[in-house]
């Protein structure tokens, strides 16, 4: 089995100044930052989730994934308080697990 070491194999042939420049460049890339939410926003999320679960409404979740925002529409199937996760079933009956800390916005559809 061949194991590729990625860019590590090339650093031995590079000058230390070039390695530092590449690391600075990689650190400077903007992959997007998750916005910090306050307690009031989390209370709004909690209220929306409770109403949606009680009345079986569909919600649109905007969440942070791998440096960018993503959206999913679905119904909240289960709330795991210990892991701080939501299990959301979309229109195709697939289960998605969303961490509460990754959620940026919740809207009724």
Protein backbone atom coordinates (compact mmCIF):
# COMPACT_ATOMS: atom_id res chain seq x y z
CA UNK A 1 0.00 0.00 0.00
CA UNK A 2 1.41 3.36 -1.02
CA UNK A 3 1.16 6.18 1.51
CA UNK A 4 1.54 9.66 0.19
CA UNK A 5 2.93 12.15 2.70
CA UNK A 6 1.45 15.13 0.88
CA UNK A 7 3.47 18.34 1.04
CA UNK A 8 5.72 17.03 3.81
CA UNK A 9 7.91 15.20 1.26
CA UNK A 10 8.68 18.46 -0.54
CA UNK A 11 9.62 20.55 2.49
CA UNK A 12 13.02 18.87 2.74
CA UNK A 13 13.97 20.34 -0.65
CA UNK A 14 12.68 23.82 0.16
CA UNK A 15 14.40 26.69 1.88
CA UNK A 16 13.11 27.51 5.38
CA UNK A 17 12.02 30.94 4.14
CA UNK A 18 9.82 29.33 1.49
CA UNK A 19 8.28 26.94 4.00
CA UNK A 20 7.46 29.86 6.29
CA UNK A 21 5.93 31.78 3.37
CA UNK A 22 3.74 28.81 2.43
CA UNK A 23 2.56 28.35 6.02
CA UNK A 24 1.76 32.07 6.32
CA UNK A 25 -0.17 31.90 3.07
CA UNK A 26 -2.15 28.85 4.23
CA UNK A 27 -3.00 30.54 7.54
CA UNK A 28 -4.08 33.69 5.72
CA UNK A 29 -6.66 31.94 3.56
CA UNK A 30 -10.15 32.83 4.65
CA UNK A 31 -12.27 29.72 4.95
CA UNK A 32 -15.05 31.75 6.49
CA UNK A 33 -15.71 32.35 10.13
CA UNK A 34 -18.77 31.19 11.98
CA UNK A 35 -20.57 34.17 13.46
CA UNK A 36 -20.81 34.24 17.24
CA UNK A 37 -24.37 34.10 18.52
CA UNK A 38 -25.67 35.45 21.80
CA UNK A 39 -27.98 33.84 24.35
CA UNK A 40 -31.04 35.66 22.99
CA UNK A 41 -30.56 34.07 19.56
CA UNK A 42 -30.29 30.60 21.15
CA UNK A 43 -33.53 31.28 23.04
CA UNK A 44 -35.23 32.15 19.75
CA UNK A 45 -33.91 28.90 18.27
CA UNK A 46 -35.25 26.97 21.26
CA UNK A 47 -38.68 28.55 20.94
CA UNK A 48 -38.86 27.88 17.19
CA UNK A 49 -37.80 24.25 17.66
CA UNK A 50 -40.36 23.68 20.43
CA UNK A 51 -43.20 25.16 18.36
CA UNK A 52 -42.14 23.20 15.26
CA UNK A 53 -41.96 19.91 17.15
CA UNK A 54 -45.32 20.50 18.83
CA UNK A 55 -47.16 21.46 15.64
CA UNK A 56 -45.09 19.34 13.20
CA UNK A 57 -43.87 22.31 11.11
CA UNK A 58 -41.02 22.31 8.64
CA UNK A 59 -38.02 24.51 9.46
CA UNK A 60 -35.19 25.86 7.33
CA UNK A 61 -31.84 25.55 9.09
CA UNK A 62 -28.83 27.59 8.07
CA UNK A 63 -25.73 26.04 9.57
CA UNK A 64 -21.96 26.30 9.36
CA UNK A 65 -20.17 23.41 7.67
CA UNK A 66 -16.53 23.25 6.55
CA UNK A 67 -15.99 26.98 6.36
CA UNK A 68 -19.21 27.89 4.59
CA UNK A 69 -22.90 28.11 5.29
CA UNK A 70 -25.32 25.40 4.19
CA UNK A 71 -29.09 25.07 4.34
CA UNK A 72 -31.46 22.21 4.98
CA UNK A 73 -35.24 22.05 5.21
CA UNK A 74 -36.86 19.49 7.42
CA UNK A 75 -38.64 18.56 10.60
CA UNK A 76 -36.93 18.18 13.95
CA UNK A 77 -37.13 14.49 14.81
CA UNK A 78 -35.15 14.41 18.06
CA UNK A 79 -33.24 16.79 20.32
CA UNK A 80 -30.22 15.31 22.11
CA UNK A 81 -29.55 17.57 25.08
CA UNK A 82 -26.39 15.77 26.20
CA UNK A 83 -24.61 15.91 22.85
CA UNK A 84 -26.27 19.24 21.96
CA UNK A 85 -27.43 17.93 18.61
CA UNK A 86 -30.61 17.99 16.56
CA UNK A 87 -31.76 15.16 14.34
CA UNK A 88 -33.56 16.64 11.36
CA UNK A 89 -35.50 14.62 8.78
CA UNK A 90 -35.58 16.25 5.35
CA UNK A 91 -38.25 15.82 2.64
CA UNK A 92 -36.59 12.60 1.42
CA UNK A 93 -36.78 11.09 4.95
CA UNK A 94 -33.01 11.22 5.44
CA UNK A 95 -31.76 12.00 8.92
CA UNK A 96 -29.23 14.83 9.31
CA UNK A 97 -27.44 15.50 12.59
CA UNK A 98 -26.83 19.19 13.29
CA UNK A 99 -24.78 20.46 16.20
CA UNK A 100 -26.52 23.30 18.01
CA UNK A 101 -23.30 25.32 18.03
CA UNK A 102 -23.10 25.13 14.20
CA UNK A 103 -26.60 26.49 13.60
CA UNK A 104 -26.62 30.11 12.43
CA UNK A 105 -30.33 30.66 11.76
CA UNK A 106 -33.70 28.89 11.93
CA UNK A 107 -36.78 29.98 9.96
CA UNK A 108 -40.28 28.60 9.55
CA UNK A 109 -41.15 27.60 5.98
